[in-house]
All heavy atoms as atom14 arrays in JSON, in Angstrom:
{
  "sequence": "PYDLTFGPDGSLYVAGLLSNAIHRYHGSTGVSLGNFTAGGNLTAPTGI",
  "atom14_mask": [
    [1, 1, 1, 1, 1, 1, 1, 0, 0, 0, 0, 0, 0, 0],
    [1, 1, 1, 1, 1, 1, 1, 1, 1, 1, 1, 1, 0, 0],
    [1, 1, 1, 1, 1, 1, 1, 1, 0, 0, 0, 0, 0, 0],
    [1, 1, 1, 1, 1, 1, 1, 1, 0, 0, 0, 0, 0, 0],
    [1, 1, 1, 1, 1, 1, 1, 0, 0, 0, 0, 0, 0, 0],
    [1, 1, 1, 1, 1, 1, 1, 1, 1, 1, 1, 0, 0, 0],
    [1, 1, 1, 1, 0, 0, 0, 0, 0, 0, 0, 0, 0, 0],
    [1, 1, 1, 1, 1, 1, 1, 0, 0, 0, 0, 0, 0, 0],
    [1, 1, 1, 1, 1, 1, 1, 1, 0, 0, 0, 0, 0, 0],
    [1, 1, 1, 1, 0, 0, 0, 0, 0, 0, 0, 0, 0, 0],
    [1, 1, 1, 1, 1, 1, 0, 0, 0, 0, 0, 0, 0, 0],
    [1, 1, 1, 1, 1, 1, 1, 1, 0, 0, 0, 0, 0, 0],
    [1, 1, 1, 1, 1, 1, 1, 1, 1, 1, 1, 1, 0, 0],
    [1, 1, 1, 1, 1, 1, 1, 0, 0, 0, 0, 0, 0, 0],
    [1, 1, 1, 1, 1, 0, 0, 0, 0, 0, 0, 0, 0, 0],
    [1, 1, 1, 1, 0, 0, 0, 0, 0, 0, 0, 0, 0, 0],
    [1, 1, 1, 1, 1, 1, 1, 1, 0, 0, 0, 0, 0, 0],
    [1, 1, 1, 1, 1, 1, 1, 1, 0, 0, 0, 0, 0, 0],
    [1, 1, 1, 1, 1, 1, 0, 0, 0, 0, 0, 0, 0, 0],
    [1, 1, 1, 1, 1, 1, 1, 1, 0, 0, 0, 0, 0, 0],
    [1, 1, 1, 1, 1, 0, 0, 0, 0, 0, 0, 0, 0, 0],
    [1, 1, 1, 1, 1, 1, 1, 1, 0, 0, 0, 0, 0, 0],
    [1, 1, 1, 1, 1, 1, 1, 1, 1, 1, 0, 0, 0, 0],
    [1, 1, 1, 1, 1, 1, 1, 1, 1, 1, 1, 0, 0, 0],
    [1, 1, 1, 1, 1, 1, 1, 1, 1, 1, 1, 1, 0, 0],
    [1, 1, 1, 1, 1, 1, 1, 1, 1, 1, 0, 0, 0, 0],
    [1, 1, 1, 1, 0, 0, 0, 0, 0, 0, 0, 0, 0, 0],
    [1, 1, 1, 1, 1, 1, 0, 0, 0, 0, 0, 0, 0, 0],
    [1, 1, 1, 1, 1, 1, 1, 0, 0, 0, 0, 0, 0, 0],
    [1, 1, 1, 1, 0, 0, 0, 0, 0, 0, 0, 0, 0, 0],
    [1, 1, 1, 1, 1, 1, 1, 0, 0, 0, 0, 0, 0, 0],
    [1, 1, 1, 1, 1, 1, 0, 0, 0, 0, 0, 0, 0, 0],
    [1, 1, 1, 1, 1, 1, 1, 1, 0, 0, 0, 0, 0, 0],
    [1, 1, 1, 1, 0, 0, 0, 0, 0, 0, 0, 0, 0, 0],
    [1, 1, 1, 1, 1, 1, 1, 1, 0, 0, 0, 0, 0, 0],
    [1, 1, 1, 1, 1, 1, 1, 1, 1, 1, 1, 0, 0, 0],
    [1, 1, 1, 1, 1, 1, 1, 0, 0, 0, 0, 0, 0, 0],
    [1, 1, 1, 1, 1, 0, 0, 0, 0, 0, 0, 0, 0, 0],
    [1, 1, 1, 1, 0, 0, 0, 0, 0, 0, 0, 0, 0, 0],
    [1, 1, 1, 1, 0, 0, 0, 0, 0, 0, 0, 0, 0, 0],
    [1, 1, 1, 1, 1, 1, 1, 1, 0, 0, 0, 0, 0, 0],
    [1, 1, 1, 1, 1, 1, 1, 1, 0, 0, 0, 0, 0, 0],
    [1, 1, 1, 1, 1, 1, 1, 0, 0, 0, 0, 0, 0, 0],
    [1, 1, 1, 1, 1, 0, 0, 0, 0, 0, 0, 0, 0, 0],
    [1, 1, 1, 1, 1, 1, 1, 0, 0, 0, 0, 0, 0, 0],
    [1, 1, 1, 1, 1, 1, 1, 0, 0, 0, 0, 0, 0, 0],
    [1, 1, 1, 1, 0, 0, 0, 0, 0, 0, 0, 0, 0, 0],
    [1, 1, 1, 1, 1, 1, 1, 1, 0, 0, 0, 0, 0, 0]
  ],
  "atom14_positions": [
    [[0.85, -1.2, 0.01], [0.0, 0.01, -0.01], [0.87, 1.26, 0.01], [1.87, 1.31, 0.71], [-0.79, -0.12, 1.31], [0.04, -0.93, 2.14], [0.75, -1.89, 1.23], [0.0, 0.0, 0.0], [0.0, 0.0, 0.0], [0.0, 0.0, 0.0], [0.0, 0.0, 0.0], [0.0, 0.0, 0.0], [0.0, 0.0, 0.0], [0.0, 0.0, 0.0]],
    [[0.5, 2.21, -0.86], [1.32, 3.42, -0.96], [0.56, 4.63, -0.52], [1.12, 5.46, 0.22], [1.81, 3.53, -2.4], [2.99, 4.46, -2.57], [4.24, 3.99, -2.37], [2.8, 5.79, -2.91], [5.35, 4.84, -2.53], [3.87, 6.64, -3.0], [5.14, 6.14, -2.8], [6.18, 7.01, -2.95], [0.0, 0.0, 0.0], [0.0, 0.0, 0.0]],
    [[-0.56, 4.88, -1.06], [-1.31, 6.07, -0.7], [-2.78, 5.67, -0.37], [-3.21, 4.61, -0.84], [-1.3, 7.02, -1.88], [-1.7, 8.44, -1.53], [-1.81, 8.77, -0.34], [-1.83, 9.24, -2.49], [0.0, 0.0, 0.0], [0.0, 0.0, 0.0], [0.0, 0.0, 0.0], [0.0, 0.0, 0.0], [0.0, 0.0, 0.0], [0.0, 0.0, 0.0]],
    [[-3.51, 6.57, 0.3], [-4.88, 6.22, 0.65], [-5.67, 7.51, 0.76], [-5.14, 8.52, 1.06], [-4.92, 5.38, 1.9], [-4.21, 5.9, 3.14], [-5.08, 6.76, 3.95], [-3.72, 4.69, 3.97], [0.0, 0.0, 0.0], [0.0, 0.0, 0.0], [0.0, 0.0, 0.0], [0.0, 0.0, 0.0], [0.0, 0.0, 0.0], [0.0, 0.0, 0.0]],
    [[-6.99, 7.32, 0.62], [-7.9, 8.44, 0.74], [-9.28, 7.87, 1.04], [-9.64, 6.76, 0.55], [-7.89, 9.34, -0.45], [-8.65, 10.55, -0.16], [-8.56, 8.72, -1.7], [0.0, 0.0, 0.0], [0.0, 0.0, 0.0], [0.0, 0.0, 0.0], [0.0, 0.0, 0.0], [0.0, 0.0, 0.0], [0.0, 0.0, 0.0], [0.0, 0.0, 0.0]],
    [[-10.11, 8.64, 1.77], [-11.51, 8.27, 1.91], [-12.27, 8.94, 0.75], [-12.08, 10.14, 0.47], [-12.07, 8.73, 3.22], [-11.67, 7.83, 4.36], [-10.51, 8.06, 5.06], [-12.43, 6.72, 4.65], [-10.08, 7.19, 6.12], [-12.07, 5.88, 5.72], [-10.9, 6.14, 6.41], [0.0, 0.0, 0.0], [0.0, 0.0, 0.0], [0.0, 0.0, 0.0]],
    [[-13.15, 8.14, 0.1], [-13.98, 8.71, -1.0], [-15.22, 9.3, -0.5], [-15.59, 9.18, 0.64], [0.0, 0.0, 0.0], [0.0, 0.0, 0.0], [0.0, 0.0, 0.0], [0.0, 0.0, 0.0], [0.0, 0.0, 0.0], [0.0, 0.0, 0.0], [0.0, 0.0, 0.0], [0.0, 0.0, 0.0], [0.0, 0.0, 0.0], [0.0, 0.0, 0.0]],
    [[-15.95, 9.96, -1.39], [-17.21, 10.56, -1.01], [-18.3, 9.59, -0.6], [-19.25, 9.9, 0.12], [-17.66, 11.28, -2.32], [-16.87, 10.66, -3.38], [-15.64, 10.16, -2.83], [0.0, 0.0, 0.0], [0.0, 0.0, 0.0], [0.0, 0.0, 0.0], [0.0, 0.0, 0.0], [0.0, 0.0, 0.0], [0.0, 0.0, 0.0], [0.0, 0.0, 0.0]],
    [[-18.11, 8.31, -0.86], [-19.01, 7.27, -0.48], [-18.63, 6.68, 0.9], [-19.32, 5.82, 1.39], [-19.03, 6.14, -1.44], [-17.72, 5.42, -1.61], [-16.71, 5.88, -1.06], [-17.6, 4.39, -2.31], [0.0, 0.0, 0.0], [0.0, 0.0, 0.0], [0.0, 0.0, 0.0], [0.0, 0.0, 0.0], [0.0, 0.0, 0.0], [0.0, 0.0, 0.0]],
    [[-17.58, 7.24, 1.53], [-17.17, 6.81, 2.9], [-16.2, 5.64, 2.83], [-15.69, 5.2, 3.86], [0.0, 0.0, 0.0], [0.0, 0.0, 0.0], [0.0, 0.0, 0.0], [0.0, 0.0, 0.0], [0.0, 0.0, 0.0], [0.0, 0.0, 0.0], [0.0, 0.0, 0.0], [0.0, 0.0, 0.0], [0.0, 0.0, 0.0], [0.0, 0.0, 0.0]],
    [[-15.94, 5.06, 1.68], [-15.03, 3.92, 1.58], [-13.6, 4.42, 1.6], [-13.29, 5.56, 1.19], [-15.2, 3.2, 0.2], [-16.47, 2.56, 0.18], [0.0, 0.0, 0.0], [0.0, 0.0, 0.0], [0.0, 0.0, 0.0], [0.0, 0.0, 0.0], [0.0, 0.0, 0.0], [0.0, 0.0, 0.0], [0.0, 0.0, 0.0], [0.0, 0.0, 0.0]],
    [[-12.68, 3.54, 2.07], [-11.28, 3.88, 2.06], [-10.67, 3.33, 0.81], [-10.86, 2.11, 0.52], [-10.56, 3.2, 3.29], [-9.03, 3.42, 3.31], [-8.65, 4.92, 3.49], [-8.48, 2.61, 4.46], [0.0, 0.0, 0.0], [0.0, 0.0, 0.0], [0.0, 0.0, 0.0], [0.0, 0.0, 0.0], [0.0, 0.0, 0.0], [0.0, 0.0, 0.0]],
    [[-9.98, 4.1, -0.03], [-9.36, 3.66, -1.23], [-7.87, 3.66, -1.08], [-7.28, 4.63, -0.53], [-9.69, 4.6, -2.4], [-11.18, 4.47, -2.74], [-12.12, 5.19, -2.09], [-11.58, 3.62, -3.74], [-13.47, 5.15, -2.36], [-12.95, 3.54, -4.07], [-13.9, 4.3, -3.3], [-15.23, 4.18, -3.62], [0.0, 0.0, 0.0], [0.0, 0.0, 0.0]],
    [[-7.15, 2.5, -1.47], [-5.74, 2.4, -1.19], [-5.07, 2.06, -2.49], [-5.52, 1.09, -3.19], [-5.51, 1.28, -0.13], [-4.0, 1.16, 0.11], [-6.27, 1.6, 1.09], [0.0, 0.0, 0.0], [0.0, 0.0, 0.0], [0.0, 0.0, 0.0], [0.0, 0.0, 0.0], [0.0, 0.0, 0.0], [0.0, 0.0, 0.0], [0.0, 0.0, 0.0]],
    [[-4.04, 2.79, -2.89], [-3.21, 2.43, -4.05], [-2.23, 1.34, -3.65], [-1.44, 1.47, -2.75], [-2.47, 3.64, -4.51], [0.0, 0.0, 0.0], [0.0, 0.0, 0.0], [0.0, 0.0, 0.0], [0.0, 0.0, 0.0], [0.0, 0.0, 0.0], [0.0, 0.0, 0.0], [0.0, 0.0, 0.0], [0.0, 0.0, 0.0], [0.0, 0.0, 0.0]],
    [[-2.35, 0.18, -4.42], [-1.44, -0.94, -4.18], [-0.34, -0.89, -5.19], [-0.53, -1.24, -6.33], [0.0, 0.0, 0.0], [0.0, 0.0, 0.0], [0.0, 0.0, 0.0], [0.0, 0.0, 0.0], [0.0, 0.0, 0.0], [0.0, 0.0, 0.0], [0.0, 0.0, 0.0], [0.0, 0.0, 0.0], [0.0, 0.0, 0.0], [0.0, 0.0, 0.0]],
    [[0.88, -0.47, -4.69], [2.03, -0.28, -5.6], [2.32, -1.54, -6.46], [2.43, -1.46, -7.66], [3.26, 0.19, -4.83], [4.47, 0.42, -5.64], [4.32, 1.65, -6.5], [5.68, 0.58, -4.74], [0.0, 0.0, 0.0], [0.0, 0.0, 0.0], [0.0, 0.0, 0.0], [0.0, 0.0, 0.0], [0.0, 0.0, 0.0], [0.0, 0.0, 0.0]],
    [[2.4, -2.69, -5.74], [2.77, -3.9, -6.48], [1.58, -4.76, -6.86], [1.74, -5.74, -7.65], [3.74, -4.77, -5.66], [5.15, -4.05, -5.45], [6.05, -4.94, -4.68], [5.74, -3.65, -6.78], [0.0, 0.0, 0.0], [0.0, 0.0, 0.0], [0.0, 0.0, 0.0], [0.0, 0.0, 0.0], [0.0, 0.0, 0.0], [0.0, 0.0, 0.0]],
    [[0.41, -4.43, -6.41], [-0.78, -5.14, -6.87], [-1.39, -4.5, -8.08], [-2.35, -5.09, -8.63], [-1.8, -5.29, -5.69], [-2.15, -4.03, -5.18], [0.0, 0.0, 0.0], [0.0, 0.0, 0.0], [0.0, 0.0, 0.0], [0.0, 0.0, 0.0], [0.0, 0.0, 0.0], [0.0, 0.0, 0.0], [0.0, 0.0, 0.0], [0.0, 0.0, 0.0]],
    [[-0.86, -3.37, -8.48], [-1.34, -2.67, -9.68], [-2.88, -2.46, -9.65], [-3.48, -2.63, -10.66], [-0.96, -3.38, -10.9], [0.6, -3.47, -11.1], [1.24, -2.52, -10.79], [1.06, -4.57, -11.56], [0.0, 0.0, 0.0], [0.0, 0.0, 0.0], [0.0, 0.0, 0.0], [0.0, 0.0, 0.0], [0.0, 0.0, 0.0], [0.0, 0.0, 0.0]],
    [[-3.35, -1.97, -8.49], [-4.78, -1.8, -8.35], [-5.06, -0.71, -7.29], [-4.26, -0.44, -6.45], [-5.41, -3.12, -7.91], [0.0, 0.0, 0.0], [0.0, 0.0, 0.0], [0.0, 0.0, 0.0], [0.0, 0.0, 0.0], [0.0, 0.0, 0.0], [0.0, 0.0, 0.0], [0.0, 0.0, 0.0], [0.0, 0.0, 0.0], [0.0, 0.0, 0.0]],
    [[-6.31, -0.25, -7.34], [-6.82, 0.62, -6.33], [-7.81, -0.24, -5.56], [-8.79, -0.82, -6.16], [-7.56, 1.87, -6.82], [-6.59, 2.67, -7.72], [-8.09, 2.7, -5.69], [-5.36, 3.2, -7.07], [0.0, 0.0, 0.0], [0.0, 0.0, 0.0], [0.0, 0.0, 0.0], [0.0, 0.0, 0.0], [0.0, 0.0, 0.0], [0.0, 0.0, 0.0]],
    [[-7.53, -0.52, -4.28], [-8.37, -1.37, -3.49], [-9.35, -0.5, -2.69], [-9.09, 0.56, -2.32], [-7.44, -2.17, -2.52], [-6.43, -2.96, -3.25], [-6.61, -4.26, -3.62], [-5.18, -2.65, -3.63], [-5.57, -4.74, -4.23], [-4.63, -3.77, -4.23], [0.0, 0.0, 0.0], [0.0, 0.0, 0.0], [0.0, 0.0, 0.0], [0.0, 0.0, 0.0]],
    [[-10.51, -1.15, -2.38], [-11.6, -0.41, -1.71], [-11.9, -1.22, -0.4], [-12.05, -2.45, -0.4], [-12.78, -0.29, -2.52], [-13.9, 0.5, -1.87], [-15.01, 0.79, -2.81], [-15.4, -0.28, -3.68], [-16.24, -0.19, -4.65], [-16.83, 0.93, -4.91], [-16.56, -1.26, -5.37], [0.0, 0.0, 0.0], [0.0, 0.0, 0.0], [0.0, 0.0, 0.0]],
    [[-12.01, -0.46, 0.72], [-12.32, -1.03, 2.02], [-13.52, -0.31, 2.66], [-13.64, 0.92, 2.46], [-11.18, -0.93, 2.96], [-9.93, -1.79, 2.47], [-9.01, -1.28, 1.56], [-9.8, -3.17, 2.8], [-7.97, -1.97, 1.06], [-8.79, -3.9, 2.24], [-7.86, -3.25, 1.43], [-6.8, -4.02, 0.93], [0.0, 0.0, 0.0], [0.0, 0.0, 0.0]],
    [[-14.28, -0.98, 3.37], [-15.39, -0.41, 4.07], [-14.85, 0.7, 5.03], [-13.9, 0.42, 5.82], [-16.19, -1.45, 4.89], [-17.49, -0.89, 5.46], [-17.52, -0.19, 6.61], [-18.76, -0.95, 5.0], [-18.76, 0.13, 6.88], [-19.54, -0.32, 5.87], [0.0, 0.0, 0.0], [0.0, 0.0, 0.0], [0.0, 0.0, 0.0], [0.0, 0.0, 0.0]],
    [[-15.36, 1.89, 5.01], [-14.83, 2.99, 5.74], [-14.94, 2.92, 7.2], [-14.19, 3.64, 7.96], [0.0, 0.0, 0.0], [0.0, 0.0, 0.0], [0.0, 0.0, 0.0], [0.0, 0.0, 0.0], [0.0, 0.0, 0.0], [0.0, 0.0, 0.0], [0.0, 0.0, 0.0], [0.0, 0.0, 0.0], [0.0, 0.0, 0.0], [0.0, 0.0, 0.0]],
    [[-15.86, 2.08, 7.69], [-16.03, 1.97, 9.21], [-15.35, 0.72, 9.78], [-14.87, 0.67, 10.86], [-17.51, 1.98, 9.56], [-18.03, 3.22, 9.19], [0.0, 0.0, 0.0], [0.0, 0.0, 0.0], [0.0, 0.0, 0.0], [0.0, 0.0, 0.0], [0.0, 0.0, 0.0], [0.0, 0.0, 0.0], [0.0, 0.0, 0.0], [0.0, 0.0, 0.0]],
    [[-15.44, -0.35, 9.0], [-14.97, -1.67, 9.53], [-13.61, -2.1, 8.88], [-12.98, -2.99, 9.5], [-16.01, -2.79, 9.16], [-16.04, -2.93, 7.74], [-17.39, -2.45, 9.7], [0.0, 0.0, 0.0], [0.0, 0.0, 0.0], [0.0, 0.0, 0.0], [0.0, 0.0, 0.0], [0.0, 0.0, 0.0], [0.0, 0.0, 0.0], [0.0, 0.0, 0.0]],
    [[-13.2, -1.52, 7.8], [-11.95, -1.96, 7.16], [-12.06, -3.25, 6.37], [-10.99, -3.76, 5.86], [0.0, 0.0, 0.0], [0.0, 0.0, 0.0], [0.0, 0.0, 0.0], [0.0, 0.0, 0.0], [0.0, 0.0, 0.0], [0.0, 0.0, 0.0], [0.0, 0.0, 0.0], [0.0, 0.0, 0.0], [0.0, 0.0, 0.0], [0.0, 0.0, 0.0]],
    [[-13.24, -3.79, 6.23], [-13.46, -5.06, 5.44], [-13.22, -4.76, 4.01], [-13.69, -3.77, 3.47], [-14.85, -5.57, 5.68], [-15.13, -6.73, 4.76], [-15.02, -6.08, 7.12], [0.0, 0.0, 0.0], [0.0, 0.0, 0.0], [0.0, 0.0, 0.0], [0.0, 0.0, 0.0], [0.0, 0.0, 0.0], [0.0, 0.0, 0.0], [0.0, 0.0, 0.0]],
    [[-12.42, -5.68, 3.36], [-12.15, -5.49, 1.9], [-13.45, -5.57, 1.09], [-14.25, -6.49, 1.28], [-11.19, -6.56, 1.42], [-11.01, -6.5, 0.06], [0.0, 0.0, 0.0], [0.0, 0.0, 0.0], [0.0, 0.0, 0.0], [0.0, 0.0, 0.0], [0.0, 0.0, 0.0], [0.0, 0.0, 0.0], [0.0, 0.0, 0.0], [0.0, 0.0, 0.0]],
    [[-13.62, -4.59, 0.17], [-14.71, -4.61, -0.75], [-14.25, -4.95, -2.14], [-14.98, -4.78, -3.11], [-15.4, -3.24, -0.74], [-15.98, -2.81, 0.62], [-16.5, -1.35, 0.51], [-17.04, -3.78, 1.1], [0.0, 0.0, 0.0], [0.0, 0.0, 0.0], [0.0, 0.0, 0.0], [0.0, 0.0, 0.0], [0.0, 0.0, 0.0], [0.0, 0.0, 0.0]],
    [[-12.97, -5.41, -2.27], [-12.47, -5.8, -3.53], [-11.72, -4.67, -4.28], [-11.62, -3.52, -3.71], [0.0, 0.0, 0.0], [0.0, 0.0, 0.0], [0.0, 0.0, 0.0], [0.0, 0.0, 0.0], [0.0, 0.0, 0.0], [0.0, 0.0, 0.0], [0.0, 0.0, 0.0], [0.0, 0.0, 0.0], [0.0, 0.0, 0.0], [0.0, 0.0, 0.0]],
    [[-11.28, -4.94, -5.43], [-10.63, -3.88, -6.2], [-11.57, -2.85, -6.71], [-12.67, -3.3, -7.24], [-9.89, -4.48, -7.43], [-8.67, -5.27, -6.98], [-8.2, -5.12, -5.85], [-8.08, -6.0, -7.93], [0.0, 0.0, 0.0], [0.0, 0.0, 0.0], [0.0, 0.0, 0.0], [0.0, 0.0, 0.0], [0.0, 0.0, 0.0], [0.0, 0.0, 0.0]],
    [[-11.26, -1.62, -6.64], [-12.1, -0.62, -7.27], [-11.76, -0.59, -8.79], [-12.63, -0.54, -9.6], [-11.86, 0.78, -6.62], [-12.59, 1.85, -7.29], [-13.96, 1.95, -7.08], [-11.94, 2.82, -7.99], [-14.73, 2.97, -7.75], [-12.66, 3.84, -8.68], [-13.99, 3.91, -8.51], [0.0, 0.0, 0.0], [0.0, 0.0, 0.0], [0.0, 0.0, 0.0]],
    [[-10.47, -0.66, -9.04], [-10.02, -0.67, -10.4], [-8.72, -1.31, -10.55], [-7.88, -1.24, -9.63], [-10.05, 0.7, -11.14], [-9.83, 0.55, -12.52], [-8.98, 1.61, -10.55], [0.0, 0.0, 0.0], [0.0, 0.0, 0.0], [0.0, 0.0, 0.0], [0.0, 0.0, 0.0], [0.0, 0.0, 0.0], [0.0, 0.0, 0.0], [0.0, 0.0, 0.0]],
    [[-8.43, -1.96, -11.62], [-7.12, -2.54, -11.93], [-6.86, -2.59, -13.42], [-5.95, -3.21, -13.87], [-6.97, -3.95, -11.33], [0.0, 0.0, 0.0], [0.0, 0.0, 0.0], [0.0, 0.0, 0.0], [0.0, 0.0, 0.0], [0.0, 0.0, 0.0], [0.0, 0.0, 0.0], [0.0, 0.0, 0.0], [0.0, 0.0, 0.0], [0.0, 0.0, 0.0]],
    [[-7.69, -1.83, -14.14], [-7.61, -1.83, -15.56], [-6.85, -0.67, -16.17], [-6.23, 0.07, -15.47], [0.0, 0.0, 0.0], [0.0, 0.0, 0.0], [0.0, 0.0, 0.0], [0.0, 0.0, 0.0], [0.0, 0.0, 0.0], [0.0, 0.0, 0.0], [0.0, 0.0, 0.0], [0.0, 0.0, 0.0], [0.0, 0.0, 0.0], [0.0, 0.0, 0.0]],
    [[-6.85, -0.63, -17.46], [-6.23, 0.51, -18.16], [-4.74, 0.57, -18.09], [-4.19, 1.61, -18.04], [0.0, 0.0, 0.0], [0.0, 0.0, 0.0], [0.0, 0.0, 0.0], [0.0, 0.0, 0.0], [0.0, 0.0, 0.0], [0.0, 0.0, 0.0], [0.0, 0.0, 0.0], [0.0, 0.0, 0.0], [0.0, 0.0, 0.0], [0.0, 0.0, 0.0]],
    [[-4.16, -0.61, -18.0], [-2.7, -0.68, -17.79], [-2.14, 0.07, -16.62], [-1.06, 0.66, -16.65], [-1.96, -0.15, -19.12], [-2.19, -1.05, -20.27], [-2.29, -2.28, -20.11], [-2.32, -0.49, -21.44], [0.0, 0.0, 0.0], [0.0, 0.0, 0.0], [0.0, 0.0, 0.0], [0.0, 0.0, 0.0], [0.0, 0.0, 0.0], [0.0, 0.0, 0.0]],
    [[-2.97, 0.06, -15.55], [-2.51, 0.68, -14.31], [-1.29, -0.05, -13.78], [-1.38, -1.24, -13.52], [-3.67, 0.61, -13.29], [-3.41, 1.24, -11.95], [-3.2, 2.79, -12.1], [-4.6, 1.03, -11.0], [0.0, 0.0, 0.0], [0.0, 0.0, 0.0], [0.0, 0.0, 0.0], [0.0, 0.0, 0.0], [0.0, 0.0, 0.0], [0.0, 0.0, 0.0]],
    [[-0.19, 0.67, -13.64], [1.03, 0.02, -13.19], [1.63, 0.86, -12.02], [1.87, 2.02, -12.14], [2.02, -0.02, -14.32], [1.45, -0.69, -15.45], [3.32, -0.71, -13.9], [0.0, 0.0, 0.0], [0.0, 0.0, 0.0], [0.0, 0.0, 0.0], [0.0, 0.0, 0.0], [0.0, 0.0, 0.0], [0.0, 0.0, 0.0], [0.0, 0.0, 0.0]],
    [[1.86, 0.14, -10.87], [2.53, 0.75, -9.74], [1.88, 2.09, -9.3], [2.62, 3.08, -9.21], [3.97, 0.84, -9.95], [0.0, 0.0, 0.0], [0.0, 0.0, 0.0], [0.0, 0.0, 0.0], [0.0, 0.0, 0.0], [0.0, 0.0, 0.0], [0.0, 0.0, 0.0], [0.0, 0.0, 0.0], [0.0, 0.0, 0.0], [0.0, 0.0, 0.0]],
    [[0.58, 2.11, -8.98], [0.0, 3.37, -8.56], [0.61, 3.85, -7.29], [0.73, 3.12, -6.33], [-1.46, 3.08, -8.41], [-1.53, 1.59, -8.1], [-0.38, 1.02, -8.89], [0.0, 0.0, 0.0], [0.0, 0.0, 0.0], [0.0, 0.0, 0.0], [0.0, 0.0, 0.0], [0.0, 0.0, 0.0], [0.0, 0.0, 0.0], [0.0, 0.0, 0.0]],
    [[0.93, 5.15, -7.25], [1.61, 5.69, -6.06], [0.85, 6.9, -5.45], [1.31, 7.47, -4.49], [3.06, 6.16, -6.4], [2.98, 7.08, -7.49], [3.94, 4.95, -6.74], [0.0, 0.0, 0.0], [0.0, 0.0, 0.0], [0.0, 0.0, 0.0], [0.0, 0.0, 0.0], [0.0, 0.0, 0.0], [0.0, 0.0, 0.0], [0.0, 0.0, 0.0]],
    [[-0.2, 7.26, -6.06], [-0.94, 8.44, -5.51], [-2.4, 8.45, -5.95], [-2.71, 8.05, -7.06], [0.0, 0.0, 0.0], [0.0, 0.0, 0.0], [0.0, 0.0, 0.0], [0.0, 0.0, 0.0], [0.0, 0.0, 0.0], [0.0, 0.0, 0.0], [0.0, 0.0, 0.0], [0.0, 0.0, 0.0], [0.0, 0.0, 0.0], [0.0, 0.0, 0.0]],
    [[-3.29, 8.85, -5.02], [-4.68, 8.98, -5.37], [-5.17, 10.22, -4.61], [-4.71, 10.61, -3.6], [-5.49, 7.74, -4.97], [-5.35, 7.31, -3.54], [-5.16, 6.61, -5.96], [-6.16, 6.17, -3.15], [0.0, 0.0, 0.0], [0.0, 0.0, 0.0], [0.0, 0.0, 0.0], [0.0, 0.0, 0.0], [0.0, 0.0, 0.0], [0.0, 0.0, 0.0]]
  ]
}
């Protein structure tokens, strides 16, 4: 994990540098909600 932010929907979004994805977590419990996105040749995201 490299960078993180809370979205307008209350979810926590985390840039996974080596997973090449933006992961989404429940904003209150931290439970994984799966990848928000991993497409479009996303490689080593470091900021959101």
